[in-house]
Protein backbone atom coordinates (compact mmCIF):
# COMPACT_ATOMS: atom_id res chain seq x y z
CA MET A 1 31.95 26.04 4.48
CA LYS A 2 28.83 24.07 3.53
CA ARG A 3 26.14 24.27 6.19
CA ALA A 4 25.26 20.88 7.60
CA ARG A 5 21.67 19.67 7.72
CA PRO A 6 20.28 18.61 11.11
CA GLY A 7 21.72 15.26 12.07
CA THR A 8 24.87 15.61 9.95
CA THR A 9 28.43 16.35 10.94
CA ALA A 10 29.35 20.04 10.66
CA GLY A 11 30.90 20.75 7.30
CA SER A 12 29.67 17.46 5.83
CA VAL A 13 26.43 16.14 4.35
CA THR A 14 27.70 12.64 3.65
CA ARG A 15 25.67 11.11 6.48
CA ALA A 16 22.62 11.86 8.59
CA THR A 17 20.78 10.04 11.36
CA VAL A 18 17.02 9.47 11.43
CA ALA A 19 15.32 7.32 14.10
CA GLY A 20 18.74 5.98 15.04
CA VAL A 21 19.49 4.90 11.46
CA VAL A 22 22.50 6.25 9.62
CA ILE A 23 21.39 7.61 6.24
CA THR A 24 24.20 7.62 3.70
CA HIS A 25 24.12 10.04 0.76
CA PRO A 26 21.33 12.06 2.44
CA ASP A 27 21.41 14.71 -0.29
CA ARG A 28 20.80 12.21 -3.09
CA VAL A 29 17.68 13.31 -4.95
CA VAL A 30 15.15 10.47 -5.08
CA PHE A 31 12.23 12.39 -6.60
CA PRO A 32 13.85 14.67 -9.22
CA ALA A 33 10.68 16.52 -10.24
CA LEU A 34 10.18 17.77 -6.68
CA GLN A 35 13.84 17.67 -5.56
CA ILE A 36 12.98 15.39 -2.63
CA THR A 37 16.12 13.89 -1.12
CA LYS A 38 16.85 10.53 0.47
CA LEU A 39 17.05 12.27 3.84
CA GLU A 40 13.62 13.81 3.38
CA LEU A 41 12.19 10.42 2.41
CA ALA A 42 13.67 8.85 5.56
CA GLN A 43 12.27 11.72 7.66
CA TYR A 44 8.88 11.22 6.04
CA TYR A 45 8.87 7.52 7.00
CA ALA A 46 9.86 8.43 10.57
CA ARG A 47 7.02 10.98 10.71
CA VAL A 48 4.30 8.60 9.52
CA ALA A 49 5.58 5.58 11.45
CA PRO A 50 3.00 5.81 14.29
CA LEU A 51 0.17 5.67 11.72
CA MET A 52 1.79 3.30 9.22
CA LEU A 53 3.23 0.61 11.49
CA PRO A 54 -0.12 -0.84 12.62
CA HIS A 55 -0.76 -1.69 8.94
CA VAL A 56 2.66 -3.08 8.00
CA ALA A 57 4.41 -4.35 11.14
CA GLY A 58 4.53 -8.12 11.43
CA ARG A 59 3.42 -8.68 7.82
CA PRO A 60 5.40 -10.13 4.91
CA LEU A 61 6.45 -7.23 2.69
CA ALA A 62 7.35 -6.74 -0.95
CA LEU A 63 9.41 -3.67 -1.78
CA VAL A 64 9.97 -1.29 -4.67
CA ARG A 65 13.59 -0.19 -4.49
CA CYS A 66 15.08 2.70 -6.46
CA PRO A 67 18.68 2.98 -5.20
CA ASP A 68 19.47 5.94 -7.47
CA GLY A 69 16.04 7.56 -7.29
CA VAL A 70 12.84 7.58 -9.30
CA GLY A 71 13.51 7.75 -13.02
CA LYS A 72 16.58 5.52 -12.71
CA GLN A 73 16.54 1.74 -12.42
CA CYS A 74 13.94 0.48 -9.93
CA PHE A 75 13.01 -3.11 -9.10
CA PHE A 76 10.31 -5.02 -7.24
CA GLN A 77 11.80 -7.20 -4.52
CA LYS A 78 9.78 -10.04 -3.03
CA HIS A 79 12.51 -11.87 -1.11
CA TRP A 80 15.64 -11.01 0.85
CA ALA A 81 18.85 -12.93 0.18
CA GLY A 82 21.68 -12.87 2.67
CA THR A 83 21.81 -11.26 6.08
CA PRO A 84 19.36 -8.35 6.48
CA PRO A 85 20.47 -5.08 8.10
CA PRO A 86 19.60 -4.34 11.75
CA ALA A 87 15.90 -3.64 12.45
CA ILE A 88 14.80 -5.79 9.49
CA ASP A 89 13.71 -9.38 10.07
CA THR A 90 12.93 -12.08 7.56
CA VAL A 91 10.46 -14.93 7.77
CA PRO A 92 10.56 -18.14 5.68
CA ILE A 93 7.33 -18.66 3.76
CA LEU A 94 6.41 -21.74 1.76
CA GLN A 95 6.14 -20.96 -1.97
CA HIS A 96 3.93 -22.53 -4.62
CA ASP A 97 6.87 -24.62 -5.86
CA GLY A 98 7.43 -26.17 -2.45
CA THR A 99 10.52 -24.13 -1.54
CA ARG A 100 10.78 -21.68 1.32
CA ARG A 101 11.87 -18.10 0.59
CA ARG A 102 12.62 -15.40 3.13
CA HIS A 103 10.34 -12.35 3.15
CA VAL A 104 10.99 -9.01 4.84
CA VAL A 105 9.22 -8.18 8.10
CA ILE A 106 9.62 -5.01 10.16
CA HIS A 107 8.40 -4.08 13.62
CA SER A 108 9.44 -0.49 14.33
CA ALA A 109 10.05 3.02 13.04
CA THR A 110 13.71 2.08 12.87
CA GLY A 111 12.76 -0.70 10.47
CA LEU A 112 10.80 1.70 8.27
CA VAL A 113 13.68 4.17 8.10
CA THR A 114 16.14 1.33 7.44
CA LEU A 115 14.12 0.47 4.34
CA ALA A 116 14.50 4.07 3.15
CA GLN A 117 18.25 3.83 3.71
CA TRP A 118 18.26 0.76 1.45
CA GLY A 119 16.59 2.65 -1.37
CA VAL A 120 13.02 1.48 -0.73
CA ILE A 121 10.35 3.86 -2.01
CA GLU A 122 7.22 1.68 -1.90
CA ILE A 123 6.13 -0.84 0.73
CA HIS A 124 3.60 -3.52 -0.24
CA PRO A 125 2.30 -5.79 2.56
CA TRP A 126 0.59 -9.12 2.06
CA GLY A 127 -3.05 -9.31 3.16
CA CYS A 128 -2.05 -11.52 6.08
CA ARG A 129 0.34 -11.58 9.02
CA ALA A 130 3.72 -13.24 8.95
CA ASP A 131 2.87 -15.79 11.66
CA ASP A 132 0.49 -17.60 9.29
CA ALA A 133 0.60 -16.76 5.59
CA ASN A 134 -2.41 -18.99 4.94
CA LEU A 135 -4.89 -16.87 6.91
CA PRO A 136 -5.80 -13.59 5.17
CA ASP A 137 -7.17 -10.74 7.26
CA ARG A 138 -7.68 -7.98 4.67
CA ILE A 139 -9.50 -7.73 1.36
CA VAL A 140 -8.40 -5.01 -1.07
CA PHE A 141 -10.19 -3.59 -4.11
CA ASP A 142 -8.05 -1.38 -6.34
CA LEU A 143 -9.98 0.99 -8.60
CA ASP A 144 -7.62 1.63 -11.52
CA PRO A 145 -8.97 3.97 -14.23
CA ALA A 146 -7.95 3.72 -17.88
CA PRO A 147 -6.55 6.89 -19.45
CA GLY A 148 -9.22 9.51 -20.01
CA VAL A 149 -11.72 8.13 -17.48
CA ALA A 150 -13.32 10.89 -15.39
CA TRP A 151 -12.25 11.00 -11.76
CA SER A 152 -15.92 11.13 -10.76
CA THR A 153 -16.29 7.60 -12.17
CA VAL A 154 -13.53 6.36 -9.86
CA GLN A 155 -15.19 8.07 -6.91
CA GLY A 156 -18.53 6.55 -7.90
CA GLY A 157 -16.97 3.10 -8.05
CA ALA A 158 -15.60 3.46 -4.53
CA ARG A 159 -19.00 4.53 -3.23
CA GLN A 160 -20.72 1.61 -4.97
CA LEU A 161 -18.22 -0.86 -3.50
CA HIS A 162 -18.84 0.66 -0.07
CA ARG A 163 -22.58 0.08 -0.54
CA LEU A 164 -22.20 -3.47 -1.90
CA LEU A 165 -19.96 -4.46 0.98
CA GLY A 166 -22.30 -2.80 3.46
CA GLY A 167 -25.10 -4.90 2.00
CA GLN A 168 -23.09 -7.95 3.10
CA GLY A 169 -22.74 -6.52 6.60
CA LEU A 170 -19.12 -5.47 6.08
CA ASP A 171 -17.62 -2.07 6.84
CA SER A 172 -14.93 -0.87 4.45
CA TRP A 173 -12.23 1.78 4.56
CA LEU A 174 -10.95 4.14 1.89
CA LYS A 175 -7.53 5.38 0.78
CA THR A 176 -5.93 6.97 -2.24
CA SER A 177 -3.60 4.68 -4.15
CA GLY A 178 -0.90 7.31 -4.47
CA GLY A 179 -1.11 6.67 -8.20
CA LYS A 180 -4.16 6.89 -10.46
CA GLY A 181 -6.96 5.49 -8.34
CA LEU A 182 -8.52 4.55 -5.02
CA HIS A 183 -8.43 1.51 -2.75
CA VAL A 184 -11.31 0.10 -0.73
CA VAL A 185 -10.15 -2.17 2.12
CA VAL A 186 -12.09 -4.66 4.24
CA PRO A 187 -10.61 -6.12 7.43
CA ILE A 188 -11.77 -9.64 8.30
CA ALA A 189 -11.21 -12.20 11.02
CA ARG A 190 -8.53 -14.77 10.17
CA ARG A 191 -10.77 -17.71 9.36
CA PRO A 192 -11.44 -18.09 5.59
CA SER A 193 -8.94 -19.44 3.10
CA TRP A 194 -7.28 -17.42 0.36
CA ASP A 195 -9.52 -19.21 -2.14
CA ASP A 196 -12.63 -18.06 -0.29
CA VAL A 197 -11.37 -14.48 0.03
CA SER A 198 -10.45 -14.36 -3.65
CA ALA A 199 -13.83 -15.78 -4.69
CA PHE A 200 -15.66 -13.25 -2.50
CA ALA A 201 -13.67 -10.31 -3.90
CA ARG A 202 -14.31 -11.46 -7.45
CA ALA A 203 -18.05 -11.83 -6.82
CA ILE A 204 -18.33 -8.32 -5.37
CA ALA A 205 -16.33 -6.85 -8.28
CA GLU A 206 -18.50 -8.69 -10.80
CA GLN A 207 -21.65 -7.33 -9.15
CA LEU A 208 -20.36 -3.80 -9.71
CA GLN A 209 -19.43 -4.59 -13.31
CA ALA A 210 -22.87 -6.10 -13.96
CA ALA A 211 -24.60 -3.01 -12.56
CA PHE A 212 -22.52 -0.54 -14.61
CA PRO A 213 -20.91 -2.46 -17.51
CA ASP A 214 -20.06 0.74 -19.39
CA ARG A 215 -18.05 2.10 -16.43
CA PHE A 216 -16.36 -0.86 -14.73
CA ILE A 217 -14.56 -4.04 -15.74
CA THR A 218 -13.04 -6.95 -13.84
CA LYS A 219 -10.67 -8.18 -16.55
CA ALA A 220 -7.01 -7.24 -16.26
CA SER A 221 -6.51 -6.83 -20.01
CA LYS A 222 -5.57 -3.23 -20.76
CA SER A 223 -7.21 -3.35 -24.19
CA ALA A 224 -10.50 -4.53 -22.66
CA ARG A 225 -10.64 -1.80 -20.02
CA ARG A 226 -10.49 1.14 -22.41
CA GLY A 227 -12.76 3.91 -21.16
CA ARG A 228 -13.55 2.08 -17.92
CA VAL A 229 -12.26 1.53 -14.41
CA PHE A 230 -10.59 -1.80 -13.72
CA ILE A 231 -11.80 -3.23 -10.40
CA ASP A 232 -8.67 -5.11 -9.42
CA TRP A 233 -9.80 -7.90 -7.11
CA LEU A 234 -6.72 -10.00 -7.95
CA ARG A 235 -4.77 -8.63 -4.97
CA ASN A 236 -6.62 -11.10 -2.78
CA SER A 237 -4.63 -14.27 -3.35
CA ARG A 238 -1.73 -15.80 -1.43
CA GLY A 239 1.44 -13.87 -2.21
CA ALA A 240 -0.34 -10.91 -3.80
CA THR A 241 0.27 -7.47 -2.31
CA SER A 242 -1.04 -3.92 -2.41
CA VAL A 243 0.64 -0.66 -1.50
CA ALA A 244 0.59 0.14 2.20
CA PRO A 245 -1.27 3.04 3.80
CA TRP A 246 1.10 6.04 3.95
CA SER A 247 3.57 4.50 1.50
CA PRO A 248 4.94 6.80 -1.20
CA ARG A 249 4.85 5.63 -4.81
CA ALA A 250 7.91 5.46 -7.05
CA ARG A 251 6.47 7.95 -9.51
CA PRO A 252 7.49 11.49 -10.47
CA SER A 253 4.63 13.06 -8.47
CA ALA A 254 5.82 11.42 -5.19
CA GLY A 255 2.18 10.53 -4.48
CA VAL A 256 1.30 8.88 -1.16
CA SER A 257 -1.38 6.29 -0.44
CA VAL A 258 -3.39 8.16 2.19
CA PRO A 259 -6.21 6.72 4.34
CA LEU A 260 -9.33 8.89 4.32
CA PRO A 261 -12.67 9.05 6.12
CA TRP A 262 -15.47 8.31 3.64
CA PRO A 263 -16.90 11.87 3.90
CA ARG A 264 -13.59 13.18 2.52
CA LEU A 265 -13.98 11.31 -0.78
CA GLY A 266 -15.70 14.25 -2.45
CA HIS A 267 -12.75 16.49 -1.59
CA VAL A 268 -10.18 14.31 -3.36
CA GLY A 269 -9.40 15.14 -6.97
CA ALA A 270 -6.79 12.52 -7.87
CA GLY A 271 -5.16 9.35 -6.58
CA ASP A 272 -1.85 11.17 -6.14
CA GLN A 273 -3.31 14.36 -4.69
CA TYR A 274 -1.26 13.89 -1.52
CA THR A 275 2.52 13.80 -1.83
CA VAL A 276 5.54 13.21 0.40
CA THR A 277 5.94 16.95 0.85
CA SER A 278 2.30 18.10 0.86
CA VAL A 279 0.46 15.51 2.95
CA ARG A 280 -0.54 16.60 6.42
CA VAL A 281 0.00 13.74 8.82
CA PRO A 282 -2.94 13.68 11.26
CA SER A 283 -2.54 13.06 14.96
CA ALA A 284 -5.22 10.35 14.88
CA ASP A 285 -5.34 7.47 12.42
CA PRO A 286 -8.33 7.79 10.03
CA TRP A 287 -8.28 3.98 10.00
CA ARG A 288 -8.11 3.46 13.77
CA GLU A 289 -11.48 1.69 13.80
CA LEU A 290 -10.28 -0.68 11.07
CA LEU A 291 -7.65 -1.99 13.47
CA THR A 292 -10.27 -3.15 15.96
CA ALA A 293 -13.06 -4.16 13.56
CA LYS A 294 -14.42 -7.63 14.26
CA GLN A 295 -15.82 -8.75 10.92
CA ALA A 296 -16.37 -12.26 9.68
CA LEU A 297 -16.47 -13.44 6.08
CA THR A 298 -18.98 -16.21 6.66
CA LYS A 299 -19.88 -19.31 4.70
CA GLU A 300 -23.39 -17.88 4.33
CA MET A 301 -22.00 -14.78 2.59
CA LEU A 302 -20.01 -16.97 0.24
CA ARG A 303 -23.05 -19.16 -0.52
CA ARG A 304 -25.12 -16.09 -1.38
CA LEU A 305 -22.52 -14.64 -3.73
CA ILE A 306 -20.68 -17.54 -5.33
């Protein structure tokens, strides 16, 4: 007789329960290179929920779904059609074309695990809350190195962004991307428009490019960024997203986007150093101070930079 995993019926592994959510096909392998199963992914989301929810709950979400696992067909889902499953809400948001489309919103660990049940690997929140999609409250810089760029250059870019933002009176927080690079995140009060936030992010990125033009670039063109790190400031517009803290990535390495204290930067050797199976989930959130930071992106800052 096959031994049942915890949460399954004896003699059967067709179902499991995590955070009150029934997980079907729990033994389905979603990360083939590491033999990580759907059940283990759901358990991971339940484990990180206390740290992850403050950064994703109540925000419009975009999702990367891989129903048959990484390496099979995956798709990026911005909207939810039809009736969502329990523990998942949707909110109508006005689109650029004047229509309203429903976006996913979750509020609980049950919601996170429900996403895993539906084949979601990656979770990408907007830089705003769902109650007003026109008021951003986070600025994200994604340091994305071209092939062959030394990891020390990525680390140096993160440190330089930290200094540039500090020069504007803004604290910033660090995380791995779970992929190739690093993210630098700035929480702000919900006052400026998306246009102002985007212009500010572009100006900061261009300052870094101007200081080190042989190392950094602000253009998205892959041919132009050869040998350099792309400072992706484009994630700071209405409807743009970036991968959430603690979200896995739909890549063979099963990398996780992990928040880090700035002193830990020198101990990180790659953007996917931490994985679903290797990451140690801390008892305290390294970004806890981000959640209470009271920072304003002022008109004076914008006048100085733009």
